[in-house]
Amino acid sequence: MQISLPLVRLHCKRRKISLCALLSQAGVSRTAFYSLVRSPSVLPRSLQALSITLEISSKEILRDLSPQEERVALRVKRLEYLLSKDPTIDRDTAWHTLILLERDPIERLGTALKRGRK
């Protein structure tokens, strides 16, 4: 991956800020920025080495979402799958069930017993 100076300038123009102001707000020095722009890749060498060894693109081993966001995205996919199989399923009940199924069975049982005692 490489930083595209024209794209950075385009985004600065869209936001109506100068490149200098962008660098200042981001806390990046001009020297560091232009060094990154001239670099053939902004990826760490270790990431490049892993992707070359695996013979895949670096993007394939990078994660865009946090682990929690990935779990929620997966849960949404599961919910959509369930609803596509049976549209009569209550969306909120299915969502709650999927959340509970991610928890440890002992924890679920403990919560159910606490509610049952009340």
PDB file of N, CA and C in Angstrom:
ATOM      1  N   MET A   1       0.852  -1.171   0.000  1.00  0.00           N
ATOM      2  CA  MET A   1       0.000   0.000   0.000  1.00  0.00           C
ATOM      3  C   MET A   1       0.895   1.230   0.000  1.00  0.00           C
ATOM      4  N   GLN A   2       0.443   2.214  -0.725  1.00  0.00           N
ATOM      5  CA  GLN A   2       1.233   3.423  -0.845  1.00  0.00           C
ATOM      6  C   GLN A   2       0.319   4.632  -0.702  1.00  0.00           C
ATOM      7  N   ILE A   3       0.841   5.682  -0.091  1.00  0.00           N
ATOM      8  CA  ILE A   3       0.073   6.912   0.052  1.00  0.00           C
ATOM      9  C   ILE A   3       0.100   7.655  -1.276  1.00  0.00           C
ATOM     10  N   SER A   4      -1.070   8.077  -1.724  1.00  0.00           N
ATOM     11  CA  SER A   4      -1.179   8.834  -2.962  1.00  0.00           C
ATOM     12  C   SER A   4      -1.291  10.313  -2.619  1.00  0.00           C
ATOM     13  N   LEU A   5      -0.262  11.070  -2.952  1.00  0.00           N
ATOM     14  CA  LEU A   5      -0.271  12.507  -2.672  1.00  0.00           C
ATOM     15  C   LEU A   5      -1.431  13.213  -3.370  1.00  0.00           C
ATOM     16  N   PRO A   6      -1.726  12.906  -4.644  1.00  0.00           N
ATOM     17  CA  PRO A   6      -2.872  13.556  -5.289  1.00  0.00           C
ATOM     18  C   PRO A   6      -4.199  13.259  -4.579  1.00  0.00           C
ATOM     19  N   LEU A   7      -4.364  12.024  -4.080  1.00  0.00           N
ATOM     20  CA  LEU A   7      -5.604  11.703  -3.363  1.00  0.00           C
ATOM     21  C   LEU A   7      -5.686  12.433  -2.032  1.00  0.00           C
ATOM     22  N   VAL A   8      -4.558  12.543  -1.343  1.00  0.00           N
ATOM     23  CA  VAL A   8      -4.547  13.277  -0.076  1.00  0.00           C
ATOM     24  C   VAL A   8      -4.917  14.734  -0.333  1.00  0.00           C
ATOM     25  N   ARG A   9      -4.313  15.318  -1.364  1.00  0.00           N
ATOM     26  CA  ARG A   9      -4.624  16.713  -1.698  1.00  0.00           C
ATOM     27  C   ARG A   9      -6.092  16.878  -2.096  1.00  0.00           C
ATOM     28  N   LEU A  10      -6.635  15.912  -2.831  1.00  0.00           N
ATOM     29  CA  LEU A  10      -8.040  15.967  -3.224  1.00  0.00           C
ATOM     30  C   LEU A  10      -8.948  15.963  -1.999  1.00  0.00           C
ATOM     31  N   HIS A  11      -8.651  15.084  -1.034  1.00  0.00           N
ATOM     32  CA  HIS A  11      -9.471  15.019   0.184  1.00  0.00           C
ATOM     33  C   HIS A  11      -9.321  16.291   1.016  1.00  0.00           C
ATOM     34  N   CYS A  12      -8.128  16.858   1.018  1.00  0.00           N
ATOM     35  CA  CYS A  12      -7.933  18.133   1.723  1.00  0.00           C
ATOM     36  C   CYS A  12      -8.783  19.218   1.079  1.00  0.00           C
ATOM     37  N   LYS A  13      -8.783  19.233  -0.235  1.00  0.00           N
ATOM     38  CA  LYS A  13      -9.559  20.240  -0.968  1.00  0.00           C
ATOM     39  C   LYS A  13     -11.044  20.086  -0.688  1.00  0.00           C
ATOM     40  N   ARG A  14     -11.522  18.848  -0.644  1.00  0.00           N
ATOM     41  CA  ARG A  14     -12.939  18.587  -0.351  1.00  0.00           C
ATOM     42  C   ARG A  14     -13.317  19.074   1.041  1.00  0.00           C
ATOM     43  N   ARG A  15     -12.406  18.928   1.991  1.00  0.00           N
ATOM     44  CA  ARG A  15     -12.677  19.364   3.368  1.00  0.00           C
ATOM     45  C   ARG A  15     -12.302  20.824   3.605  1.00  0.00           C
ATOM     46  N   LYS A  16     -11.759  21.427   2.547  1.00  0.00           N
ATOM     47  CA  LYS A  16     -11.386  22.845   2.587  1.00  0.00           C
ATOM     48  C   LYS A  16     -10.345  23.127   3.661  1.00  0.00           C
ATOM     49  N   ILE A  17      -9.319  22.255   3.703  1.00  0.00           N
ATOM     50  CA  ILE A  17      -8.184  22.506   4.580  1.00  0.00           C
ATOM     51  C   ILE A  17      -6.907  22.331   3.759  1.00  0.00           C
ATOM     52  N   SER A  18      -5.872  22.982   4.188  1.00  0.00           N
ATOM     53  CA  SER A  18      -4.599  22.855   3.477  1.00  0.00           C
ATOM     54  C   SER A  18      -3.896  21.568   3.920  1.00  0.00           C
ATOM     55  N   LEU A  19      -2.956  21.141   3.113  1.00  0.00           N
ATOM     56  CA  LEU A  19      -2.171  19.963   3.462  1.00  0.00           C
ATOM     57  C   LEU A  19      -1.403  20.207   4.752  1.00  0.00           C
ATOM     58  N   CYS A  20      -0.887  21.419   4.910  1.00  0.00           N
ATOM     59  CA  CYS A  20      -0.148  21.796   6.121  1.00  0.00           C
ATOM     60  C   CYS A  20      -1.049  21.687   7.358  1.00  0.00           C
ATOM     61  N   ALA A  21      -2.303  22.163   7.212  1.00  0.00           N
ATOM     62  CA  ALA A  21      -3.252  22.092   8.332  1.00  0.00           C
ATOM     63  C   ALA A  21      -3.593  20.636   8.658  1.00  0.00           C
ATOM     64  N   LEU A  22      -3.747  19.817   7.628  1.00  0.00           N
ATOM     65  CA  LEU A  22      -4.019  18.397   7.836  1.00  0.00           C
ATOM     66  C   LEU A  22      -2.900  17.741   8.636  1.00  0.00           C
ATOM     67  N   LEU A  23      -1.665  17.990   8.208  1.00  0.00           N
ATOM     68  CA  LEU A  23      -0.521  17.385   8.885  1.00  0.00           C
ATOM     69  C   LEU A  23      -0.435  17.854  10.333  1.00  0.00           C
ATOM     70  N   SER A  24      -0.717  19.125  10.549  1.00  0.00           N
ATOM     71  CA  SER A  24      -0.674  19.681  11.896  1.00  0.00           C
ATOM     72  C   SER A  24      -1.734  19.026  12.785  1.00  0.00           C
ATOM     73  N   GLN A  25      -2.964  18.912  12.256  1.00  0.00           N
ATOM     74  CA  GLN A  25      -4.049  18.310  13.030  1.00  0.00           C
ATOM     75  C   GLN A  25      -3.789  16.824  13.301  1.00  0.00           C
ATOM     76  N   ALA A  26      -3.180  16.148  12.339  1.00  0.00           N
ATOM     77  CA  ALA A  26      -2.902  14.719  12.490  1.00  0.00           C
ATOM     78  C   ALA A  26      -1.663  14.458  13.334  1.00  0.00           C
ATOM     79  N   GLY A  27      -0.876  15.488  13.589  1.00  0.00           N
ATOM     80  CA  GLY A  27       0.344  15.320  14.370  1.00  0.00           C
ATOM     81  C   GLY A  27       1.443  14.627  13.591  1.00  0.00           C
ATOM     82  N   VAL A  28       1.462  14.839  12.267  1.00  0.00           N
ATOM     83  CA  VAL A  28       2.465  14.222  11.397  1.00  0.00           C
ATOM     84  C   VAL A  28       3.355  15.337  10.853  1.00  0.00           C
ATOM     85  N   SER A  29       4.654  15.156  10.979  1.00  0.00           N
ATOM     86  CA  SER A  29       5.565  16.182  10.469  1.00  0.00           C
ATOM     87  C   SER A  29       5.601  16.128   8.943  1.00  0.00           C
ATOM     88  N   ARG A  30       5.960  17.264   8.334  1.00  0.00           N
ATOM     89  CA  ARG A  30       6.067  17.316   6.871  1.00  0.00           C
ATOM     90  C   ARG A  30       7.125  16.328   6.383  1.00  0.00           C
ATOM     91  N   THR A  31       8.224  16.248   7.120  1.00  0.00           N
ATOM     92  CA  THR A  31       9.306  15.344   6.737  1.00  0.00           C
ATOM     93  C   THR A  31       8.821  13.895   6.732  1.00  0.00           C
ATOM     94  N   ALA A  32       8.104  13.506   7.785  1.00  0.00           N
ATOM     95  CA  ALA A  32       7.594  12.136   7.878  1.00  0.00           C
ATOM     96  C   ALA A  32       6.579  11.868   6.768  1.00  0.00           C
ATOM     97  N   PHE A  33       5.707  12.846   6.515  1.00  0.00           N
ATOM     98  CA  PHE A  33       4.685  12.664   5.485  1.00  0.00           C
ATOM     99  C   PHE A  33       5.317  12.458   4.113  1.00  0.00           C
ATOM    100  N   TYR A  34       6.236  13.335   3.737  1.00  0.00           N
ATOM    101  CA  TYR A  34       6.842  13.218   2.413  1.00  0.00           C
ATOM    102  C   TYR A  34       7.735  11.983   2.311  1.00  0.00           C
ATOM    103  N   SER A  35       8.265  11.543   3.427  1.00  0.00           N
ATOM    104  CA  SER A  35       9.021  10.297   3.435  1.00  0.00           C
ATOM    105  C   SER A  35       8.083   9.122   3.137  1.00  0.00           C
ATOM    106  N   LEU A  36       6.897   9.154   3.739  1.00  0.00           N
ATOM    107  CA  LEU A  36       5.901   8.105   3.488  1.00  0.00           C
ATOM    108  C   LEU A  36       5.413   8.137   2.046  1.00  0.00           C
ATOM    109  N   VAL A  37       5.220   9.348   1.508  1.00  0.00           N
ATOM    110  CA  VAL A  37       4.753   9.482   0.126  1.00  0.00           C
ATOM    111  C   VAL A  37       5.777   8.888  -0.847  1.00  0.00           C
ATOM    112  N   ARG A  38       7.062   9.114  -0.570  1.00  0.00           N
ATOM    113  CA  ARG A  38       8.118   8.601  -1.456  1.00  0.00           C
ATOM    114  C   ARG A  38       8.372   7.112  -1.262  1.00  0.00           C
ATOM    115  N   SER A  39       7.954   6.564  -0.143  1.00  0.00           N
ATOM    116  CA  SER A  39       8.198   5.152   0.154  1.00  0.00           C
ATOM    117  C   SER A  39       7.343   4.272  -0.766  1.00  0.00           C
ATOM    118  N   PRO A  40       7.909   3.165  -1.246  1.00  0.00           N
ATOM    119  CA  PRO A  40       7.120   2.288  -2.116  1.00  0.00           C
ATOM    120  C   PRO A  40       5.962   1.614  -1.375  1.00  0.00           C
ATOM    121  N   SER A  41       6.047   1.560  -0.050  1.00  0.00           N
ATOM    122  CA  SER A  41       4.980   0.950   0.733  1.00  0.00           C
ATOM    123  C   SER A  41       5.013   1.520   2.145  1.00  0.00           C
ATOM    124  N   VAL A  42       3.823   1.774   2.700  1.00  0.00           N
ATOM    125  CA  VAL A  42       3.741   2.248   4.082  1.00  0.00           C
ATOM    126  C   VAL A  42       3.475   1.092   5.044  1.00  0.00           C
ATOM    127  N   LEU A  43       3.432  -0.115   4.508  1.00  0.00           N
ATOM    128  CA  LEU A  43       3.223  -1.281   5.360  1.00  0.00           C
ATOM    129  C   LEU A  43       4.507  -1.638   6.091  1.00  0.00           C
ATOM    130  N   PRO A  44       4.402  -2.101   7.303  1.00  0.00           N
ATOM    131  CA  PRO A  44       5.597  -2.548   8.018  1.00  0.00           C
ATOM    132  C   PRO A  44       6.265  -3.707   7.266  1.00  0.00           C
ATOM    133  N   ARG A  45       7.560  -3.776   7.368  1.00  0.00           N
ATOM    134  CA  ARG A  45       8.302  -4.834   6.665  1.00  0.00           C
ATOM    135  C   ARG A  45       7.847  -6.223   7.080  1.00  0.00           C
ATOM    136  N   SER A  46       7.526  -6.396   8.365  1.00  0.00           N
ATOM    137  CA  SER A  46       7.101  -7.716   8.836  1.00  0.00           C
ATOM    138  C   SER A  46       5.784  -8.129   8.173  1.00  0.00           C
ATOM    139  N   LEU A  47       4.874  -7.185   7.991  1.00  0.00           N
ATOM    140  CA  LEU A  47       3.610  -7.492   7.322  1.00  0.00           C
ATOM    141  C   LEU A  47       3.862  -7.858   5.866  1.00  0.00           C
ATOM    142  N   GLN A  48       4.739  -7.122   5.221  1.00  0.00           N
ATOM    143  CA  GLN A  48       5.086  -7.436   3.835  1.00  0.00           C
ATOM    144  C   GLN A  48       5.720  -8.825   3.745  1.00  0.00           C
ATOM    145  N   ALA A  49       6.614  -9.142   4.681  1.00  0.00           N
ATOM    146  CA  ALA A  49       7.285 -10.442   4.662  1.00  0.00           C
ATOM    147  C   ALA A  49       6.269 -11.575   4.833  1.00  0.00           C
ATOM    148  N   LEU A  50       5.315 -11.399   5.744  1.00  0.00           N
ATOM    149  CA  LEU A  50       4.285 -12.415   5.946  1.00  0.00           C
ATOM    150  C   LEU A  50       3.446 -12.610   4.693  1.00  0.00           C
ATOM    151  N   SER A  51       3.014 -11.517   4.089  1.00  0.00           N
ATOM    152  CA  SER A  51       2.157 -11.632   2.907  1.00  0.00           C
ATOM    153  C   SER A  51       2.922 -12.235   1.724  1.00  0.00           C
ATOM    154  N   ILE A  52       4.194 -11.889   1.574  1.00  0.00           N
ATOM    155  CA  ILE A  52       4.994 -12.469   0.488  1.00  0.00           C
ATOM    156  C   ILE A  52       5.180 -13.963   0.719  1.00  0.00           C
ATOM    157  N   THR A  53       5.463 -14.347   1.969  1.00  0.00           N
ATOM    158  CA  THR A  53       5.657 -15.750   2.288  1.00  0.00           C
ATOM    159  C   THR A  53       4.381 -16.556   2.067  1.00  0.00           C
ATOM    160  N   LEU A  54       3.245 -15.962   2.426  1.00  0.00           N
ATOM    161  CA  LEU A  54       1.954 -16.635   2.238  1.00  0.00           C
ATOM    162  C   LEU A  54       1.456 -16.542   0.798  1.00  0.00           C
ATOM    163  N   GLU A  55       2.137 -15.719  -0.004  1.00  0.00           N
ATOM    164  CA  GLU A  55       1.757 -15.485  -1.398  1.00  0.00           C
ATOM    165  C   GLU A  55       0.347 -14.940  -1.518  1.00  0.00           C
ATOM    166  N   ILE A  56       0.054 -13.959  -0.669  1.00  0.00           N
ATOM    167  CA  ILE A  56      -1.247 -13.291  -0.696  1.00  0.00           C
ATOM    168  C   ILE A  56      -1.024 -11.792  -0.602  1.00  0.00           C
ATOM    169  N   SER A  57      -2.077 -11.048  -0.828  1.00  0.00           N
ATOM    170  CA  SER A  57      -2.024  -9.602  -0.682  1.00  0.00           C
ATOM    171  C   SER A  57      -1.994  -9.247   0.808  1.00  0.00           C
ATOM    172  N   SER A  58      -1.323  -8.174   1.140  1.00  0.00           N
ATOM    173  CA  SER A  58      -1.272  -7.723   2.538  1.00  0.00           C
ATOM    174  C   SER A  58      -2.667  -7.446   3.079  1.00  0.00           C
ATOM    175  N   LYS A  59      -3.563  -7.014   2.206  1.00  0.00           N
ATOM    176  CA  LYS A  59      -4.933  -6.693   2.620  1.00  0.00           C
ATOM    177  C   LYS A  59      -5.659  -7.910   3.178  1.00  0.00           C
ATOM    178  N   GLU A  60      -5.249  -9.099   2.732  1.00  0.00           N
ATOM    179  CA  GLU A  60      -5.942 -10.313   3.149  1.00  0.00           C
ATOM    180  C   GLU A  60      -5.662 -10.693   4.602  1.00  0.00           C
ATOM    181  N   ILE A  61      -4.618 -10.132   5.191  1.00  0.00           N
ATOM    182  CA  ILE A  61      -4.342 -10.443   6.600  1.00  0.00           C
ATOM    183  C   ILE A  61      -4.497  -9.217   7.495  1.00  0.00           C
ATOM    184  N   LEU A  62      -5.050  -8.150   6.937  1.00  0.00           N
ATOM    185  CA  LEU A  62      -5.339  -6.961   7.729  1.00  0.00           C
ATOM    186  C   LEU A  62      -6.814  -6.962   8.096  1.00  0.00           C
ATOM    187  N   ARG A  63      -7.100  -6.430   9.264  1.00  0.00           N
ATOM    188  CA  ARG A  63      -8.475  -6.385   9.731  1.00  0.00           C
ATOM    189  C   ARG A  63      -8.932  -4.933   9.736  1.00  0.00           C
ATOM    190  N   ASP A  64     -10.077  -4.688   9.106  1.00  0.00           N
ATOM    191  CA  ASP A  64     -10.619  -3.336   9.069  1.00  0.00           C
ATOM    192  C   ASP A  64     -11.415  -3.012  10.330  1.00  0.00           C
ATOM    193  N   LEU A  65     -12.016  -4.028  10.905  1.00  0.00           N
ATOM    194  CA  LEU A  65     -12.893  -3.823  12.047  1.00  0.00           C
ATOM    195  C   LEU A  65     -12.232  -4.316  13.327  1.00  0.00           C
ATOM    196  N   SER A  66     -12.686  -3.756  14.435  1.00  0.00           N
ATOM    197  CA  SER A  66     -12.222  -4.252  15.730  1.00  0.00           C
ATOM    198  C   SER A  66     -12.858  -5.629  15.955  1.00  0.00           C
ATOM    199  N   PRO A  67     -12.318  -6.425  16.864  1.00  0.00           N
ATOM    200  CA  PRO A  67     -12.914  -7.743  17.127  1.00  0.00           C
ATOM    201  C   PRO A  67     -14.393  -7.666  17.497  1.00  0.00           C
ATOM    202  N   GLN A  68     -14.762  -6.650  18.270  1.00  0.00           N
ATOM    203  CA  GLN A  68     -16.171  -6.499  18.661  1.00  0.00           C
ATOM    204  C   GLN A  68     -17.024  -6.171  17.441  1.00  0.00           C
ATOM    205  N   GLU A  69     -16.534  -5.294  16.569  1.00  0.00           N
ATOM    206  CA  GLU A  69     -17.279  -4.959  15.358  1.00  0.00           C
ATOM    207  C   GLU A  69     -17.415  -6.167  14.442  1.00  0.00           C
ATOM    208  N   GLU A  70     -16.378  -7.002  14.389  1.00  0.00           N
ATOM    209  CA  GLU A  70     -16.450  -8.222  13.584  1.00  0.00           C
ATOM    210  C   GLU A  70     -17.514  -9.171  14.128  1.00  0.00           C
ATOM    211  N   ARG A  71     -17.596  -9.300  15.473  1.00  0.00           N
ATOM    212  CA  ARG A  71     -18.610 -10.172  16.067  1.00  0.00           C
ATOM    213  C   ARG A  71     -20.008  -9.670  15.740  1.00  0.00           C
ATOM    214  N   VAL A  72     -20.215  -8.364  15.826  1.00  0.00           N
ATOM    215  CA  VAL A  72     -21.530  -7.788  15.524  1.00  0.00           C
ATOM    216  C   VAL A  72     -21.865  -7.991  14.050  1.00  0.00           C
ATOM    217  N   ALA A  73     -20.889  -7.778  13.157  1.00  0.00           N
ATOM    218  CA  ALA A  73     -21.131  -7.976  11.720  1.00  0.00           C
ATOM    219  C   ALA A  73     -21.494  -9.427  11.434  1.00  0.00           C
ATOM    220  N   LEU A  74     -20.813 -10.357  12.088  1.00  0.00           N
ATOM    221  CA  LEU A  74     -21.123 -11.770  11.908  1.00  0.00           C
ATOM    222  C   LEU A  74     -22.516 -12.088  12.439  1.00  0.00           C
ATOM    223  N   ARG A  75     -22.865 -11.493  13.577  1.00  0.00           N
ATOM    224  CA  ARG A  75     -24.189 -11.706  14.163  1.00  0.00           C
ATOM    225  C   ARG A  75     -25.277 -11.180  13.227  1.00  0.00           C
ATOM    226  N   VAL A  76     -25.033 -10.034  12.597  1.00  0.00           N
ATOM    227  CA  VAL A  76     -25.997  -9.464  11.652  1.00  0.00           C
ATOM    228  C   VAL A  76     -26.176 -10.409  10.464  1.00  0.00           C
ATOM    229  N   LYS A  77     -25.065 -10.963   9.963  1.00  0.00           N
ATOM    230  CA  LYS A  77     -25.157 -11.920   8.846  1.00  0.00           C
ATOM    231  C   LYS A  77     -25.974 -13.145   9.239  1.00  0.00           C
ATOM    232  N   ARG A  78     -25.728 -13.644  10.447  1.00  0.00           N
ATOM    233  CA  ARG A  78     -26.489 -14.815  10.927  1.00  0.00           C
ATOM    234  C   ARG A  78     -27.971 -14.488  11.039  1.00  0.00           C
ATOM    235  N   LEU A  79     -28.271 -13.293  11.556  1.00  0.00           N
ATOM    236  CA  LEU A  79     -29.665 -12.875  11.696  1.00  0.00           C
ATOM    237  C   LEU A  79     -30.335 -12.798  10.332  1.00  0.00           C
ATOM    238  N   GLU A  80     -29.668 -12.178   9.357  1.00  0.00           N
ATOM    239  CA  GLU A  80     -30.237 -12.065   8.020  1.00  0.00           C
ATOM    240  C   GLU A  80     -30.462 -13.437   7.402  1.00  0.00           C
ATOM    241  N   TYR A  81     -29.537 -14.369   7.656  1.00  0.00           N
ATOM    242  CA  TYR A  81     -29.688 -15.732   7.150  1.00  0.00           C
ATOM    243  C   TYR A  81     -30.926 -16.393   7.760  1.00  0.00           C
ATOM    244  N   LEU A  82     -31.084 -16.269   9.078  1.00  0.00           N
ATOM    245  CA  LEU A  82     -32.240 -16.864   9.745  1.00  0.00           C
ATOM    246  C   LEU A  82     -33.549 -16.275   9.227  1.00  0.00           C
ATOM    247  N   LEU A  83     -33.566 -14.958   9.061  1.00  0.00           N
ATOM    248  CA  LEU A  83     -34.780 -14.304   8.575  1.00  0.00           C
ATOM    249  C   LEU A  83     -35.082 -14.671   7.124  1.00  0.00           C
ATOM    250  N   SER A  84     -34.036 -14.935   6.338  1.00  0.00           N
ATOM    251  CA  SER A  84     -34.282 -15.350   4.953  1.00  0.00           C
ATOM    252  C   SER A  84     -34.872 -16.761   4.902  1.00  0.00           C
ATOM    253  N   LYS A  85     -34.501 -17.606   5.860  1.00  0.00           N
ATOM    254  CA  LYS A  85     -35.025 -18.973   5.915  1.00  0.00           C
ATOM    255  C   LYS A  85     -36.465 -19.009   6.431  1.00  0.00           C
ATOM    256  N   ASP A  86     -36.749 -18.138   7.411  1.00  0.00           N
ATOM    257  CA  ASP A  86     -38.094 -18.113   7.987  1.00  0.00           C
ATOM    258  C   ASP A  86     -38.473 -16.668   8.323  1.00  0.00           C
ATOM    259  N   PRO A  87     -39.175 -15.986   7.428  1.00  0.00           N
ATOM    260  CA  PRO A  87     -39.515 -14.573   7.652  1.00  0.00           C
ATOM    261  C   PRO A  87     -40.475 -14.332   8.817  1.00  0.00           C
ATOM    262  N   THR A  88     -41.071 -15.397   9.363  1.00  0.00           N
ATOM    263  CA  THR A  88     -42.003 -15.209  10.480  1.00  0.00           C
ATOM    264  C   THR A  88     -41.285 -15.049  11.815  1.00  0.00           C
ATOM    265  N   ILE A  89     -39.973 -15.265  11.821  1.00  0.00           N
ATOM    266  CA  ILE A  89     -39.196 -15.136  13.057  1.00  0.00           C
ATOM    267  C   ILE A  89     -39.193 -13.679  13.505  1.00  0.00           C
ATOM    268  N   ASP A  90     -39.402 -13.479  14.815  1.00  0.00           N
ATOM    269  CA  ASP A  90     -39.329 -12.130  15.372  1.00  0.00           C
ATOM    270  C   ASP A  90     -37.867 -11.683  15.385  1.00  0.00           C
ATOM    271  N   ARG A  91     -37.591 -10.571  14.732  1.00  0.00           N
ATOM    272  CA  ARG A  91     -36.222 -10.077  14.576  1.00  0.00           C
ATOM    273  C   ARG A  91     -35.547  -9.831  15.926  1.00  0.00           C
ATOM    274  N   ASP A  92     -36.250  -9.171  16.849  1.00  0.00           N
ATOM    275  CA  ASP A  92     -35.661  -8.843  18.154  1.00  0.00           C
ATOM    276  C   ASP A  92     -35.364 -10.095  18.980  1.00  0.00           C
ATOM    277  N   THR A  93     -36.257 -11.053  18.935  1.00  0.00           N
ATOM    278  CA  THR A  93     -36.051 -12.297  19.674  1.00  0.00           C
ATOM    279  C   THR A  93     -34.859 -13.061  19.107  1.00  0.00           C
ATOM    280  N   ALA A  94     -34.767 -13.109  17.777  1.00  0.00           N
ATOM    281  CA  ALA A  94     -33.642 -13.804  17.143  1.00  0.00           C
ATOM    282  C   ALA A  94     -32.330 -13.108  17.480  1.00  0.00           C
ATOM    283  N   TRP A  95     -32.327 -11.780  17.467  1.00  0.00           N
ATOM    284  CA  TRP A  95     -31.114 -11.012  17.795  1.00  0.00           C
ATOM    285  C   TRP A  95     -30.678 -11.323  19.224  1.00  0.00           C
ATOM    286  N   HIS A  96     -31.636 -11.277  20.152  1.00  0.00           N
ATOM    287  CA  HIS A  96     -31.328 -11.554  21.557  1.00  0.00           C
ATOM    288  C   HIS A  96     -30.796 -12.981  21.728  1.00  0.00           C
ATOM    289  N   THR A  97     -31.392 -13.926  21.032  1.00  0.00           N
ATOM    290  CA  THR A  97     -30.954 -15.320  21.102  1.00  0.00           C
ATOM    291  C   THR A  97     -29.527 -15.464  20.589  1.00  0.00           C
ATOM    292  N   LEU A  98     -29.209 -14.803  19.480  1.00  0.00           N
ATOM    293  CA  LEU A  98     -27.849 -14.862  18.945  1.00  0.00           C
ATOM    294  C   LEU A  98     -26.831 -14.282  19.928  1.00  0.00           C
ATOM    295  N   ILE A  99     -27.217 -13.219  20.611  1.00  0.00           N
ATOM    296  CA  ILE A  99     -26.323 -12.629  21.624  1.00  0.00           C
ATOM    297  C   ILE A  99     -26.095 -13.625  22.760  1.00  0.00           C
ATOM    298  N   LEU A 100     -27.179 -14.246  23.215  1.00  0.00           N
ATOM    299  CA  LEU A 100     -27.060 -15.205  24.315  1.00  0.00           C
ATOM    300  C   LEU A 100     -26.241 -16.426  23.914  1.00  0.00           C
ATOM    301  N   LEU A 101     -26.350 -16.854  22.664  1.00  0.00           N
ATOM    302  CA  LEU A 101     -25.599 -18.027  22.214  1.00  0.00           C
ATOM    303  C   LEU A 101     -24.100 -17.777  22.160  1.00  0.00           C
ATOM    304  N   GLU A 102     -23.703 -16.506  22.139  1.00  0.00           N
ATOM    305  CA  GLU A 102     -22.276 -16.178  22.159  1.00  0.00           C
ATOM    306  C   GLU A 102     -21.693 -16.282  23.566  1.00  0.00           C
ATOM    307  N   ARG A 103     -22.551 -16.272  24.560  1.00  0.00           N
ATOM    308  CA  ARG A 103     -22.076 -16.352  25.936  1.00  0.00           C
ATOM    309  C   ARG A 103     -21.804 -17.800  26.321  1.00  0.00           C
ATOM    310  N   ASP A 104     -21.025 -17.971  27.367  1.00  0.00           N
ATOM    311  CA  ASP A 104     -20.695 -19.286  27.897  1.00  0.00           C
ATOM    312  C   ASP A 104     -21.978 -19.935  28.435  1.00  0.00           C
ATOM    313  N   PRO A 105     -22.213 -21.233  28.186  1.00  0.00           N
ATOM    314  CA  PRO A 105     -23.437 -21.889  28.666  1.00  0.00           C
ATOM    315  C   PRO A 105     -23.644 -21.780  30.175  1.00  0.00           C
ATOM    316  N   ILE A 106     -22.574 -21.882  30.950  1.00  0.00           N
ATOM    317  CA  ILE A 106     -22.699 -21.776  32.409  1.00  0.00           C
ATOM    318  C   ILE A 106     -23.175 -20.375  32.795  1.00  0.00           C
ATOM    319  N   GLU A 107     -22.659 -19.378  32.114  1.00  0.00           N
ATOM    320  CA  GLU A 107     -23.068 -17.998  32.374  1.00  0.00           C
ATOM    321  C   GLU A 107     -24.548 -17.807  32.025  1.00  0.00           C
ATOM    322  N   ARG A 108     -24.976 -18.379  30.891  1.00  0.00           N
ATOM    323  CA  ARG A 108     -26.392 -18.288  30.499  1.00  0.00           C
ATOM    324  C   ARG A 108     -27.279 -18.960  31.528  1.00  0.00           C
ATOM    325  N   LEU A 109     -26.853 -20.121  32.000  1.00  0.00           N
ATOM    326  CA  LEU A 109     -27.631 -20.851  32.994  1.00  0.00           C
ATOM    327  C   LEU A 109     -27.729 -20.060  34.292  1.00  0.00           C
ATOM    328  N   GLY A 110     -26.615 -19.472  34.720  1.00  0.00           N
ATOM    329  CA  GLY A 110     -26.617 -18.661  35.937  1.00  0.00           C
ATOM    330  C   GLY A 110     -27.577 -17.487  35.837  1.00  0.00           C
ATOM    331  N   THR A 111     -27.584 -16.821  34.690  1.00  0.00           N
ATOM    332  CA  THR A 111     -28.503 -15.694  34.476  1.00  0.00           C
ATOM    333  C   THR A 111     -29.950 -16.166  34.508  1.00  0.00           C
ATOM    334  N   ALA A 112     -30.220 -17.307  33.875  1.00  0.00           N
ATOM    335  CA  ALA A 112     -31.585 -17.843  33.859  1.00  0.00           C
ATOM    336  C   ALA A 112     -32.034 -18.220  35.267  1.00  0.00           C
ATOM    337  N   LEU A 113     -31.139 -18.809  36.058  1.00  0.00           N
ATOM    338  CA  LEU A 113     -31.497 -19.186  37.429  1.00  0.00           C
ATOM    339  C   LEU A 113     -31.775 -17.961  38.294  1.00  0.00           C
ATOM    340  N   LYS A 114     -31.010 -16.898  38.106  1.00  0.00           N
ATOM    341  CA  LYS A 114     -31.234 -15.658  38.865  1.00  0.00           C
ATOM    342  C   LYS A 114     -32.607 -15.091  38.523  1.00  0.00           C
ATOM    343  N   ARG A 115     -32.945 -15.088  37.235  1.00  0.00           N
ATOM    344  CA  ARG A 115     -34.260 -14.584  36.829  1.00  0.00           C
ATOM    345  C   ARG A 115     -35.384 -15.476  37.350  1.00  0.00           C
ATOM    346  N   GLY A 116     -35.145 -16.767  37.364  1.00  0.00           N
ATOM    347  CA  GLY A 116     -36.154 -17.714  37.826  1.00  0.00           C
ATOM    348  C   GLY A 116     -36.439 -17.562  39.303  1.00  0.00           C
ATOM    349  N   ARG A 117     -35.435 -17.197  40.081  1.00  0.00           N
ATOM    350  CA  ARG A 117     -35.608 -17.029  41.520  1.00  0.00           C
ATOM    351  C   ARG A 117     -36.411 -15.795  41.866  1.00  0.00           C
ATOM    352  N   LYS A 118     -36.369 -14.814  40.986  1.00  0.00           N
ATOM    353  CA  LYS A 118     -37.115 -13.566  41.237  1.00  0.00           C
ATOM    354  C   LYS A 118     -38.559 -13.853  40.997  1.00  0.00           C
TER     355      LYS A 118
END
